[in-house]
Amino acid sequence: MTDEEAIQAVRQAVASCLQAPLEDVTLQSRLVDDLGMDSLDFVDLVFLLEGSFGVELQGSELDNLTRLDPSSDEVMRGDYLALAVVEKAKPWVPALADVPDAELVTPAELFGMVTVESIWTVMKRVVARGGRPA
């Protein structure tokens, strides 16, 4: 599968998950803020992507995002994500580089920054590893 075909497969999975027209799903589309994705949609998207790409996403960045445990001290520091969680997300959520204080990012803000391109970035890494999460 070429990069272009894989990008198209990610866009198609997002569109299918949200029952949205494919033309509304661009690489820059923010899943929550632009397309209206919710946490259950994220779980559905993980399953769709696993099927489309023939990979396992358990333990990947996407799977970890759907399983953020707000009661965990490893995930949260008060109302904000732990710095380690934010740092781990930076490679695939480039908008995190623009936040004024990485220690003041809420889960809702993180979800709001995830784009279709973010999903493609994760999928590209998982596929490059032979379909296994890190």
N, C-alpha and C. Protein backbone atom coordinates (compact mmCIF):
# COMPACT_ATOMS: atom_id res chain seq x y z
N MET A 1 0.86 -1.18 0.00
CA MET A 1 0.00 0.00 0.00
C MET A 1 0.90 1.24 0.00
N THR A 2 0.65 2.14 -0.93
CA THR A 2 1.42 3.38 -0.98
C THR A 2 0.95 4.32 0.13
N ASP A 3 1.75 5.35 0.40
CA ASP A 3 1.36 6.34 1.41
C ASP A 3 0.01 6.97 1.04
N GLU A 4 -0.16 7.31 -0.24
CA GLU A 4 -1.41 7.94 -0.67
C GLU A 4 -2.60 7.00 -0.45
N GLU A 5 -2.42 5.73 -0.75
CA GLU A 5 -3.50 4.75 -0.52
C GLU A 5 -3.79 4.61 0.97
N ALA A 6 -2.75 4.63 1.77
CA ALA A 6 -2.94 4.50 3.22
C ALA A 6 -3.62 5.73 3.80
N ILE A 7 -3.25 6.91 3.33
CA ILE A 7 -3.91 8.14 3.77
C ILE A 7 -5.39 8.08 3.41
N GLN A 8 -5.66 7.64 2.20
CA GLN A 8 -7.05 7.50 1.76
C GLN A 8 -7.80 6.50 2.65
N ALA A 9 -7.13 5.41 3.03
CA ALA A 9 -7.77 4.40 3.90
C ALA A 9 -8.08 4.99 5.27
N VAL A 10 -7.18 5.83 5.80
CA VAL A 10 -7.43 6.49 7.09
C VAL A 10 -8.60 7.45 6.95
N ARG A 11 -8.60 8.25 5.91
CA ARG A 11 -9.71 9.19 5.69
C ARG A 11 -11.03 8.44 5.56
N GLN A 12 -11.01 7.33 4.83
CA GLN A 12 -12.22 6.54 4.63
C GLN A 12 -12.70 5.94 5.95
N ALA A 13 -11.77 5.47 6.78
CA ALA A 13 -12.15 4.90 8.08
C ALA A 13 -12.79 5.96 8.97
N VAL A 14 -12.22 7.16 8.97
CA VAL A 14 -12.79 8.26 9.76
C VAL A 14 -14.18 8.61 9.24
N ALA A 15 -14.30 8.76 7.92
CA ALA A 15 -15.59 9.10 7.32
C ALA A 15 -16.63 8.03 7.63
N SER A 16 -16.25 6.79 7.51
CA SER A 16 -17.17 5.68 7.78
C SER A 16 -17.59 5.66 9.24
N CYS A 17 -16.64 5.84 10.11
CA CYS A 17 -16.91 5.84 11.55
C CYS A 17 -17.91 6.93 11.92
N LEU A 18 -17.77 8.08 11.30
CA LEU A 18 -18.62 9.23 11.63
C LEU A 18 -19.81 9.39 10.69
N GLN A 19 -19.91 8.49 9.70
CA GLN A 19 -20.94 8.60 8.68
C GLN A 19 -20.93 10.00 8.07
N ALA A 20 -19.72 10.44 7.73
CA ALA A 20 -19.50 11.76 7.16
C ALA A 20 -19.06 11.62 5.71
N PRO A 21 -19.36 12.61 4.88
CA PRO A 21 -18.86 12.57 3.50
C PRO A 21 -17.33 12.59 3.47
N LEU A 22 -16.75 11.78 2.63
CA LEU A 22 -15.29 11.69 2.54
C LEU A 22 -14.66 13.05 2.25
N GLU A 23 -15.32 13.87 1.45
CA GLU A 23 -14.74 15.18 1.12
C GLU A 23 -14.64 16.10 2.34
N ASP A 24 -15.39 15.80 3.39
CA ASP A 24 -15.31 16.60 4.63
C ASP A 24 -14.15 16.18 5.52
N VAL A 25 -13.51 15.06 5.19
CA VAL A 25 -12.43 14.51 6.02
C VAL A 25 -11.10 14.74 5.32
N THR A 26 -10.40 15.79 5.77
CA THR A 26 -9.09 16.11 5.21
C THR A 26 -8.01 15.76 6.24
N LEU A 27 -6.77 15.80 5.82
CA LEU A 27 -5.68 15.53 6.77
C LEU A 27 -5.68 16.52 7.92
N GLN A 28 -6.10 17.76 7.67
CA GLN A 28 -6.08 18.79 8.70
C GLN A 28 -7.33 18.79 9.58
N SER A 29 -8.33 17.99 9.24
CA SER A 29 -9.57 17.95 10.03
C SER A 29 -9.26 17.49 11.45
N ARG A 30 -9.73 18.27 12.42
CA ARG A 30 -9.62 17.87 13.82
C ARG A 30 -10.80 16.96 14.12
N LEU A 31 -10.49 15.78 14.66
CA LEU A 31 -11.53 14.77 14.82
C LEU A 31 -12.67 15.21 15.71
N VAL A 32 -12.36 15.85 16.81
CA VAL A 32 -13.40 16.28 17.75
C VAL A 32 -13.98 17.62 17.34
N ASP A 33 -13.13 18.62 17.22
CA ASP A 33 -13.60 19.98 17.00
C ASP A 33 -14.23 20.20 15.62
N ASP A 34 -13.69 19.56 14.59
CA ASP A 34 -14.22 19.77 13.24
C ASP A 34 -15.24 18.71 12.82
N LEU A 35 -14.99 17.46 13.22
CA LEU A 35 -15.83 16.36 12.73
C LEU A 35 -16.80 15.82 13.76
N GLY A 36 -16.68 16.25 15.03
CA GLY A 36 -17.64 15.85 16.06
C GLY A 36 -17.43 14.46 16.63
N MET A 37 -16.23 13.91 16.53
CA MET A 37 -15.96 12.58 17.06
C MET A 37 -16.03 12.60 18.59
N ASP A 38 -16.57 11.53 19.18
CA ASP A 38 -16.57 11.40 20.63
C ASP A 38 -15.76 10.17 21.03
N SER A 39 -15.68 9.90 22.32
CA SER A 39 -14.81 8.83 22.80
C SER A 39 -15.22 7.46 22.28
N LEU A 40 -16.51 7.21 22.13
CA LEU A 40 -16.95 5.93 21.57
C LEU A 40 -16.57 5.82 20.09
N ASP A 41 -16.62 6.95 19.39
CA ASP A 41 -16.19 6.95 18.00
C ASP A 41 -14.71 6.61 17.89
N PHE A 42 -13.90 7.09 18.83
CA PHE A 42 -12.47 6.77 18.83
C PHE A 42 -12.27 5.26 18.93
N VAL A 43 -13.02 4.62 19.80
CA VAL A 43 -12.91 3.16 19.96
C VAL A 43 -13.29 2.48 18.65
N ASP A 44 -14.40 2.91 18.05
CA ASP A 44 -14.82 2.35 16.76
C ASP A 44 -13.75 2.56 15.70
N LEU A 45 -13.14 3.74 15.70
CA LEU A 45 -12.11 4.04 14.71
C LEU A 45 -10.93 3.09 14.84
N VAL A 46 -10.53 2.80 16.06
CA VAL A 46 -9.42 1.86 16.28
C VAL A 46 -9.74 0.51 15.63
N PHE A 47 -10.96 0.01 15.84
CA PHE A 47 -11.35 -1.28 15.24
C PHE A 47 -11.38 -1.20 13.71
N LEU A 48 -11.90 -0.11 13.17
CA LEU A 48 -11.93 0.05 11.71
C LEU A 48 -10.52 0.08 11.13
N LEU A 49 -9.62 0.80 11.79
CA LEU A 49 -8.25 0.90 11.30
C LEU A 49 -7.53 -0.44 11.38
N GLU A 50 -7.76 -1.18 12.47
CA GLU A 50 -7.15 -2.50 12.58
C GLU A 50 -7.58 -3.39 11.41
N GLY A 51 -8.86 -3.34 11.07
CA GLY A 51 -9.36 -4.14 9.96
C GLY A 51 -8.83 -3.67 8.62
N SER A 52 -8.79 -2.37 8.42
CA SER A 52 -8.34 -1.80 7.14
C SER A 52 -6.86 -2.08 6.88
N PHE A 53 -6.06 -2.03 7.94
CA PHE A 53 -4.62 -2.17 7.77
C PHE A 53 -4.09 -3.54 8.17
N GLY A 54 -4.95 -4.38 8.76
CA GLY A 54 -4.50 -5.70 9.18
C GLY A 54 -3.43 -5.63 10.26
N VAL A 55 -3.59 -4.68 11.19
CA VAL A 55 -2.63 -4.50 12.27
C VAL A 55 -3.35 -4.54 13.61
N GLU A 56 -2.56 -4.63 14.65
CA GLU A 56 -3.08 -4.59 16.01
C GLU A 56 -2.68 -3.25 16.62
N LEU A 57 -3.66 -2.52 17.12
CA LEU A 57 -3.38 -1.21 17.70
C LEU A 57 -3.38 -1.23 19.22
N GLN A 58 -3.60 -2.38 19.83
CA GLN A 58 -3.56 -2.46 21.28
C GLN A 58 -2.17 -2.04 21.75
N GLY A 59 -2.14 -1.06 22.65
CA GLY A 59 -0.87 -0.55 23.16
C GLY A 59 -0.28 0.57 22.32
N SER A 60 -0.90 0.88 21.18
CA SER A 60 -0.41 1.99 20.36
C SER A 60 -0.89 3.31 20.94
N GLU A 61 -0.42 4.39 20.34
CA GLU A 61 -0.82 5.72 20.79
C GLU A 61 -2.34 5.88 20.73
N LEU A 62 -2.95 5.37 19.67
CA LEU A 62 -4.41 5.49 19.53
C LEU A 62 -5.13 4.72 20.62
N ASP A 63 -4.70 3.51 20.86
CA ASP A 63 -5.32 2.70 21.90
C ASP A 63 -5.13 3.37 23.26
N ASN A 64 -3.95 3.89 23.50
CA ASN A 64 -3.69 4.56 24.78
C ASN A 64 -4.57 5.80 24.95
N LEU A 65 -4.84 6.50 23.86
CA LEU A 65 -5.70 7.68 23.92
C LEU A 65 -7.12 7.29 24.31
N THR A 66 -7.61 6.19 23.76
CA THR A 66 -8.98 5.77 24.08
C THR A 66 -9.09 5.23 25.50
N ARG A 67 -7.97 4.94 26.12
CA ARG A 67 -7.99 4.35 27.46
C ARG A 67 -7.40 5.26 28.53
N LEU A 68 -7.34 6.56 28.27
CA LEU A 68 -6.84 7.49 29.28
C LEU A 68 -7.68 7.35 30.54
N ASP A 69 -7.03 7.06 31.64
CA ASP A 69 -7.73 6.86 32.91
C ASP A 69 -7.57 8.11 33.76
N PRO A 70 -8.61 8.94 33.83
CA PRO A 70 -8.49 10.20 34.58
C PRO A 70 -8.32 10.01 36.09
N SER A 71 -8.51 8.79 36.58
CA SER A 71 -8.32 8.55 38.01
C SER A 71 -6.88 8.14 38.32
N SER A 72 -6.06 7.97 37.30
CA SER A 72 -4.68 7.52 37.48
C SER A 72 -3.73 8.69 37.70
N ASP A 73 -2.88 8.58 38.70
CA ASP A 73 -1.85 9.60 38.94
C ASP A 73 -0.82 9.63 37.82
N GLU A 74 -0.68 8.54 37.07
CA GLU A 74 0.26 8.51 35.95
C GLU A 74 -0.29 9.30 34.76
N VAL A 75 -1.60 9.48 34.70
CA VAL A 75 -2.25 10.17 33.59
C VAL A 75 -2.57 11.62 33.93
N MET A 76 -3.03 11.85 35.14
CA MET A 76 -3.52 13.17 35.51
C MET A 76 -2.74 13.77 36.67
N ARG A 77 -2.63 15.09 36.63
CA ARG A 77 -2.10 15.89 37.73
C ARG A 77 -3.17 16.94 38.00
N GLY A 78 -4.07 16.63 38.90
CA GLY A 78 -5.21 17.52 39.13
C GLY A 78 -6.13 17.46 37.93
N ASP A 79 -6.41 18.62 37.34
CA ASP A 79 -7.30 18.69 36.16
C ASP A 79 -6.55 18.54 34.84
N TYR A 80 -5.23 18.39 34.91
CA TYR A 80 -4.41 18.40 33.70
C TYR A 80 -3.71 17.07 33.48
N LEU A 81 -3.39 16.81 32.22
CA LEU A 81 -2.65 15.60 31.89
C LEU A 81 -1.23 15.69 32.46
N ALA A 82 -0.72 14.57 32.90
CA ALA A 82 0.66 14.51 33.36
C ALA A 82 1.58 14.87 32.20
N LEU A 83 2.66 15.54 32.51
CA LEU A 83 3.60 15.97 31.48
C LEU A 83 4.08 14.80 30.63
N ALA A 84 4.28 13.64 31.22
CA ALA A 84 4.74 12.46 30.47
C ALA A 84 3.72 12.06 29.39
N VAL A 85 2.44 12.20 29.68
CA VAL A 85 1.39 11.88 28.70
C VAL A 85 1.45 12.86 27.54
N VAL A 86 1.60 14.13 27.86
CA VAL A 86 1.68 15.17 26.83
C VAL A 86 2.92 14.96 25.97
N GLU A 87 4.05 14.70 26.59
CA GLU A 87 5.29 14.50 25.84
C GLU A 87 5.19 13.28 24.92
N LYS A 88 4.54 12.23 25.39
CA LYS A 88 4.38 11.02 24.59
C LYS A 88 3.49 11.29 23.37
N ALA A 89 2.56 12.22 23.49
CA ALA A 89 1.64 12.53 22.38
C ALA A 89 2.23 13.52 21.38
N LYS A 90 3.25 14.27 21.76
CA LYS A 90 3.79 15.33 20.88
C LYS A 90 4.21 14.84 19.49
N PRO A 91 4.84 13.68 19.35
CA PRO A 91 5.25 13.27 18.00
C PRO A 91 4.09 13.06 17.02
N TRP A 92 2.93 12.76 17.51
CA TRP A 92 1.81 12.52 16.59
C TRP A 92 0.69 13.56 16.71
N VAL A 93 0.83 14.49 17.65
CA VAL A 93 -0.11 15.61 17.77
C VAL A 93 0.72 16.89 17.75
N PRO A 94 1.12 17.32 16.55
CA PRO A 94 2.02 18.48 16.44
C PRO A 94 1.52 19.75 17.09
N ALA A 95 0.21 19.93 17.22
CA ALA A 95 -0.33 21.15 17.83
C ALA A 95 0.09 21.29 19.29
N LEU A 96 0.50 20.20 19.93
CA LEU A 96 0.96 20.28 21.32
C LEU A 96 2.23 21.12 21.45
N ALA A 97 2.99 21.22 20.39
CA ALA A 97 4.21 22.03 20.43
C ALA A 97 3.90 23.52 20.60
N ASP A 98 2.67 23.91 20.28
CA ASP A 98 2.28 25.32 20.35
C ASP A 98 1.59 25.71 21.65
N VAL A 99 1.38 24.75 22.56
CA VAL A 99 0.71 25.12 23.81
C VAL A 99 1.69 25.90 24.68
N PRO A 100 1.20 26.94 25.36
CA PRO A 100 2.10 27.77 26.16
C PRO A 100 2.73 27.03 27.34
N ASP A 101 1.99 26.09 27.94
CA ASP A 101 2.51 25.35 29.09
C ASP A 101 2.04 23.91 28.98
N ALA A 102 2.97 23.01 28.67
CA ALA A 102 2.64 21.59 28.48
C ALA A 102 2.11 20.94 29.75
N GLU A 103 2.29 21.57 30.88
CA GLU A 103 1.77 21.02 32.14
C GLU A 103 0.33 21.43 32.39
N LEU A 104 -0.25 22.22 31.48
CA LEU A 104 -1.62 22.71 31.66
C LEU A 104 -2.51 22.30 30.48
N VAL A 105 -2.37 21.05 30.04
CA VAL A 105 -3.18 20.53 28.94
C VAL A 105 -4.22 19.58 29.53
N THR A 106 -5.48 19.84 29.22
CA THR A 106 -6.55 18.97 29.70
C THR A 106 -6.79 17.84 28.70
N PRO A 107 -7.42 16.76 29.14
CA PRO A 107 -7.76 15.70 28.17
C PRO A 107 -8.60 16.23 27.01
N ALA A 108 -9.56 17.11 27.29
CA ALA A 108 -10.40 17.65 26.22
C ALA A 108 -9.57 18.44 25.21
N GLU A 109 -8.58 19.19 25.70
CA GLU A 109 -7.72 19.94 24.79
C GLU A 109 -6.90 19.00 23.91
N LEU A 110 -6.37 17.93 24.50
CA LEU A 110 -5.60 16.96 23.72
C LEU A 110 -6.49 16.34 22.65
N PHE A 111 -7.67 15.86 23.02
CA PHE A 111 -8.57 15.27 22.03
C PHE A 111 -8.90 16.28 20.94
N GLY A 112 -9.05 17.54 21.30
CA GLY A 112 -9.36 18.58 20.33
C GLY A 112 -8.26 18.85 19.33
N MET A 113 -7.04 18.45 19.64
CA MET A 113 -5.90 18.68 18.75
C MET A 113 -5.62 17.53 17.80
N VAL A 114 -6.25 16.39 18.03
CA VAL A 114 -5.99 15.21 17.20
C VAL A 114 -6.64 15.41 15.83
N THR A 115 -5.83 15.28 14.79
CA THR A 115 -6.29 15.44 13.41
C THR A 115 -6.25 14.09 12.69
N VAL A 116 -6.82 14.09 11.50
CA VAL A 116 -6.73 12.90 10.64
C VAL A 116 -5.26 12.60 10.36
N GLU A 117 -4.46 13.65 10.18
CA GLU A 117 -3.02 13.45 9.96
C GLU A 117 -2.36 12.80 11.18
N SER A 118 -2.81 13.14 12.37
CA SER A 118 -2.30 12.50 13.58
C SER A 118 -2.53 10.99 13.51
N ILE A 119 -3.73 10.61 13.09
CA ILE A 119 -4.06 9.18 12.98
C ILE A 119 -3.18 8.53 11.94
N TRP A 120 -2.98 9.20 10.81
CA TRP A 120 -2.11 8.66 9.76
C TRP A 120 -0.69 8.48 10.29
N THR A 121 -0.18 9.44 11.05
CA THR A 121 1.17 9.35 11.60
C THR A 121 1.32 8.10 12.46
N VAL A 122 0.34 7.84 13.31
CA VAL A 122 0.38 6.64 14.15
C VAL A 122 0.32 5.38 13.29
N MET A 123 -0.59 5.36 12.34
CA MET A 123 -0.74 4.18 11.49
C MET A 123 0.53 3.91 10.70
N LYS A 124 1.16 4.95 10.21
CA LYS A 124 2.40 4.78 9.45
C LYS A 124 3.48 4.11 10.31
N ARG A 125 3.58 4.55 11.57
CA ARG A 125 4.57 3.94 12.48
C ARG A 125 4.23 2.49 12.79
N VAL A 126 2.97 2.21 13.03
CA VAL A 126 2.57 0.83 13.37
C VAL A 126 2.81 -0.09 12.17
N VAL A 127 2.45 0.37 10.99
CA VAL A 127 2.67 -0.44 9.79
C VAL A 127 4.16 -0.65 9.56
N ALA A 128 4.98 0.39 9.77
CA ALA A 128 6.43 0.28 9.59
C ALA A 128 7.05 -0.74 10.55
N ARG A 129 6.41 -0.91 11.71
CA ARG A 129 6.90 -1.89 12.70
C ARG A 129 6.35 -3.29 12.41
N GLY A 130 5.76 -3.46 11.26
CA GLY A 130 5.23 -4.76 10.92
C GLY A 130 3.88 -5.03 11.55
N GLY A 131 3.14 -3.99 11.85
CA GLY A 131 1.79 -4.16 12.37
C GLY A 131 1.71 -4.34 13.87
N ARG A 132 2.82 -4.13 14.54
CA ARG A 132 2.84 -4.28 16.00
C ARG A 132 3.04 -2.93 16.66
N PRO A 133 2.25 -2.63 17.70
CA PRO A 133 2.46 -1.37 18.42
C PRO A 133 3.80 -1.38 19.15
N ALA A 134 4.26 -0.21 19.52
CA ALA A 134 5.54 -0.10 20.25
C ALA A 134 5.42 -0.69 21.63
